[in-house]
Amino acid sequence: MQTKMTSRFSLIGFTMAAALASAGAMAQSAAQDVPGHPRVNEVNQRLDNQQNRIQAGVADGQLNAKQAARDEKQDANIAQRESKDEAKNGGHLTKNEQKNLNKSLNKDSKRIHKQRDK
């Protein structure tokens, strides 16, 4: 019984540490408002909102560590794709690139919602 409780507290501690560490990294990249780049700002704001939803889900116990890690990995992948697209176009996103990123964000958002809704 003692081992089970210790494992549970270790998992909770690890989850919270991982969420806080990744939150800082995502907040740095996503929360920046880029003047004159509304498509970039929209994608960044959505990534930031999803990161907040993941953290809230972990904090209130609706998401476990594995779910949060998967969701954060997906968001990091989207942010990386966004950076590559911006690099190709001088810091801008084309409408098609924005559409593709939003499609991925929608899929990720639905998964987060389903996980938190259970």
C-alpha atoms as a PDB file:
ATOM      1  CA  MET A   1       0.000   0.000   0.000  1.00  0.00           C
ATOM      2  CA  GLN A   2       2.827   2.383   0.958  1.00  0.00           C
ATOM      3  CA  THR A   3       4.647   1.689  -2.320  1.00  0.00           C
ATOM      4  CA  LYS A   4       1.495   2.360  -4.329  1.00  0.00           C
ATOM      5  CA  MET A   5       0.992   5.733  -2.607  1.00  0.00           C
ATOM      6  CA  THR A   6       4.658   6.662  -3.076  1.00  0.00           C
ATOM      7  CA  SER A   7       4.435   5.771  -6.766  1.00  0.00           C
ATOM      8  CA  ARG A   8       1.289   7.846  -7.159  1.00  0.00           C
ATOM      9  CA  PHE A   9       2.890  10.886  -5.515  1.00  0.00           C
ATOM     10  CA  SER A  10       6.012  10.430  -7.644  1.00  0.00           C
ATOM     11  CA  LEU A  11       3.906  10.318 -10.788  1.00  0.00           C
ATOM     12  CA  ILE A  12       1.965  13.423  -9.758  1.00  0.00           C
ATOM     13  CA  GLY A  13       5.203  15.254  -8.964  1.00  0.00           C
ATOM     14  CA  PHE A  14       6.748  14.240 -12.268  1.00  0.00           C
ATOM     15  CA  THR A  15       3.634  15.304 -14.157  1.00  0.00           C
ATOM     16  CA  MET A  16       3.551  18.709 -12.536  1.00  0.00           C
ATOM     17  CA  ALA A  17       7.280  19.264 -13.144  1.00  0.00           C
ATOM     18  CA  ALA A  18       6.948  18.242 -16.792  1.00  0.00           C
ATOM     19  CA  ALA A  19       3.920  20.474 -17.273  1.00  0.00           C
ATOM     20  CA  LEU A  20       5.660  23.480 -15.756  1.00  0.00           C
ATOM     21  CA  ALA A  21       8.859  22.923 -17.736  1.00  0.00           C
ATOM     22  CA  SER A  22       7.069  22.532 -21.043  1.00  0.00           C
ATOM     23  CA  ALA A  23       4.746  25.421 -20.246  1.00  0.00           C
ATOM     24  CA  GLY A  24       7.684  27.771 -19.993  1.00  0.00           C
ATOM     25  CA  ALA A  25       9.070  26.647 -23.308  1.00  0.00           C
ATOM     26  CA  MET A  26       5.698  26.833 -25.068  1.00  0.00           C
ATOM     27  CA  ALA A  27       4.867  30.199 -23.510  1.00  0.00           C
ATOM     28  CA  GLN A  28       8.120  31.671 -24.776  1.00  0.00           C
ATOM     29  CA  SER A  29       7.510  30.547 -28.339  1.00  0.00           C
ATOM     30  CA  ALA A  30       3.742  30.914 -28.514  1.00  0.00           C
ATOM     31  CA  ALA A  31       2.920  34.037 -26.518  1.00  0.00           C
ATOM     32  CA  GLN A  32       4.958  36.415 -28.642  1.00  0.00           C
ATOM     33  CA  ASP A  33       2.836  38.885 -30.589  1.00  0.00           C
ATOM     34  CA  VAL A  34       4.460  39.499 -33.963  1.00  0.00           C
ATOM     35  CA  PRO A  35       3.345  42.880 -35.357  1.00  0.00           C
ATOM     36  CA  GLY A  36       2.092  42.663 -38.926  1.00  0.00           C
ATOM     37  CA  HIS A  37       1.804  38.881 -38.872  1.00  0.00           C
ATOM     38  CA  PRO A  38      -1.845  38.073 -38.049  1.00  0.00           C
ATOM     39  CA  ARG A  39      -1.657  34.457 -39.273  1.00  0.00           C
ATOM     40  CA  VAL A  40       1.399  33.776 -37.120  1.00  0.00           C
ATOM     41  CA  ASN A  41      -0.263  35.455 -34.135  1.00  0.00           C
ATOM     42  CA  GLU A  42      -3.420  33.374 -34.546  1.00  0.00           C
ATOM     43  CA  VAL A  43      -1.512  30.084 -34.592  1.00  0.00           C
ATOM     44  CA  ASN A  44       0.650  31.181 -31.651  1.00  0.00           C
ATOM     45  CA  GLN A  45      -2.429  32.167 -29.631  1.00  0.00           C
ATOM     46  CA  ARG A  46      -4.102  28.827 -30.313  1.00  0.00           C
ATOM     47  CA  LEU A  47      -0.953  26.955 -29.232  1.00  0.00           C
ATOM     48  CA  ASP A  48      -0.844  29.031 -26.063  1.00  0.00           C
ATOM     49  CA  ASN A  49      -4.537  28.352 -25.347  1.00  0.00           C
ATOM     50  CA  GLN A  50      -4.067  24.612 -25.820  1.00  0.00           C
ATOM     51  CA  GLN A  51      -1.047  24.614 -23.527  1.00  0.00           C
ATOM     52  CA  ASN A  52      -3.178  26.306 -20.860  1.00  0.00           C
ATOM     53  CA  ARG A  53      -5.919  23.687 -21.329  1.00  0.00           C
ATOM     54  CA  ILE A  54      -3.393  20.857 -20.957  1.00  0.00           C
ATOM     55  CA  GLN A  55      -2.001  22.387 -17.765  1.00  0.00           C
ATOM     56  CA  ALA A  56      -5.504  22.866 -16.362  1.00  0.00           C
ATOM     57  CA  GLY A  57      -6.341  19.254 -17.194  1.00  0.00           C
ATOM     58  CA  VAL A  58      -3.260  18.000 -15.369  1.00  0.00           C
ATOM     59  CA  ALA A  59      -3.900  20.294 -12.409  1.00  0.00           C
ATOM     60  CA  ASP A  60      -7.480  19.131 -11.915  1.00  0.00           C
ATOM     61  CA  GLY A  61      -6.700  15.466 -12.609  1.00  0.00           C
ATOM     62  CA  GLN A  62      -8.583  15.159 -15.900  1.00  0.00           C
ATOM     63  CA  LEU A  63      -5.367  14.404 -17.814  1.00  0.00           C
ATOM     64  CA  ASN A  64      -2.677  11.990 -16.745  1.00  0.00           C
ATOM     65  CA  ALA A  65       1.040  12.356 -17.439  1.00  0.00           C
ATOM     66  CA  LYS A  66       0.963  10.186 -20.556  1.00  0.00           C
ATOM     67  CA  GLN A  67      -1.933  12.126 -22.095  1.00  0.00           C
ATOM     68  CA  ALA A  68      -0.350  15.489 -21.284  1.00  0.00           C
ATOM     69  CA  ALA A  69       2.996  14.422 -22.731  1.00  0.00           C
ATOM     70  CA  ARG A  70       1.355  13.239 -25.960  1.00  0.00           C
ATOM     71  CA  ASP A  71      -0.641  16.468 -26.304  1.00  0.00           C
ATOM     72  CA  GLU A  72       2.397  18.630 -25.607  1.00  0.00           C
ATOM     73  CA  LYS A  73       4.461  16.638 -28.108  1.00  0.00           C
ATOM     74  CA  GLN A  74       1.787  17.252 -30.747  1.00  0.00           C
ATOM     75  CA  ASP A  75       1.726  20.975 -29.960  1.00  0.00           C
ATOM     76  CA  ALA A  76       5.527  21.098 -30.150  1.00  0.00           C
ATOM     77  CA  ASN A  77       5.343  19.400 -33.557  1.00  0.00           C
ATOM     78  CA  ILE A  78       2.844  22.015 -34.758  1.00  0.00           C
ATOM     79  CA  ALA A  79       5.055  24.836 -33.433  1.00  0.00           C
ATOM     80  CA  GLN A  80       8.055  23.325 -35.229  1.00  0.00           C
ATOM     81  CA  ARG A  81       6.098  23.103 -38.499  1.00  0.00           C
ATOM     82  CA  GLU A  82       5.035  26.716 -38.031  1.00  0.00           C
ATOM     83  CA  SER A  83       8.673  27.795 -37.568  1.00  0.00           C
ATOM     84  CA  LYS A  84       9.733  25.957 -40.723  1.00  0.00           C
ATOM     85  CA  ASP A  85       6.893  27.533 -42.705  1.00  0.00           C
ATOM     86  CA  GLU A  86       7.798  30.990 -41.398  1.00  0.00           C
ATOM     87  CA  ALA A  87      11.460  30.482 -42.290  1.00  0.00           C
ATOM     88  CA  LYS A  88      10.486  29.709 -45.883  1.00  0.00           C
ATOM     89  CA  ASN A  89       8.458  32.926 -46.183  1.00  0.00           C
ATOM     90  CA  GLY A  90      10.430  35.596 -44.346  1.00  0.00           C
ATOM     91  CA  GLY A  91       8.552  35.263 -41.062  1.00  0.00           C
ATOM     92  CA  HIS A  92       5.076  34.989 -42.602  1.00  0.00           C
ATOM     93  CA  LEU A  93       2.630  32.125 -43.071  1.00  0.00           C
ATOM     94  CA  THR A  94       0.747  31.634 -46.307  1.00  0.00           C
ATOM     95  CA  LYS A  95      -3.002  31.057 -46.151  1.00  0.00           C
ATOM     96  CA  ASN A  96      -2.495  27.407 -47.091  1.00  0.00           C
ATOM     97  CA  GLU A  97       0.134  26.891 -44.370  1.00  0.00           C
ATOM     98  CA  GLN A  98      -2.160  28.533 -41.825  1.00  0.00           C
ATOM     99  CA  LYS A  99      -5.007  26.286 -42.982  1.00  0.00           C
ATOM    100  CA  ASN A 100      -2.885  23.160 -42.519  1.00  0.00           C
ATOM    101  CA  LEU A 101      -1.655  24.254 -39.083  1.00  0.00           C
ATOM    102  CA  ASN A 102      -5.213  25.094 -37.996  1.00  0.00           C
ATOM    103  CA  LYS A 103      -6.377  21.677 -39.181  1.00  0.00           C
ATOM    104  CA  SER A 104      -3.749  20.048 -36.947  1.00  0.00           C
ATOM    105  CA  LEU A 105      -4.645  22.366 -34.070  1.00  0.00           C
ATOM    106  CA  ASN A 106      -8.335  21.471 -34.460  1.00  0.00           C
ATOM    107  CA  LYS A 107      -7.539  17.756 -34.295  1.00  0.00           C
ATOM    108  CA  ASP A 108      -5.379  18.246 -31.212  1.00  0.00           C
ATOM    109  CA  SER A 109      -7.997  20.476 -29.591  1.00  0.00           C
ATOM    110  CA  LYS A 110     -10.706  17.842 -30.078  1.00  0.00           C
ATOM    111  CA  ARG A 111      -8.494  15.173 -28.503  1.00  0.00           C
ATOM    112  CA  ILE A 112      -7.770  17.398 -25.484  1.00  0.00           C
ATOM    113  CA  HIS A 113     -11.494  18.127 -25.123  1.00  0.00           C
ATOM    114  CA  LYS A 114     -12.407  14.417 -25.232  1.00  0.00           C
ATOM    115  CA  GLN A 115      -9.770  13.572 -22.644  1.00  0.00           C
ATOM    116  CA  ARG A 116     -10.880  16.330 -20.286  1.00  0.00           C
ATOM    117  CA  ASP A 117     -14.586  15.597 -20.813  1.00  0.00           C
ATOM    118  CA  LYS A 118     -14.422  11.991 -19.550  1.00  0.00           C
END
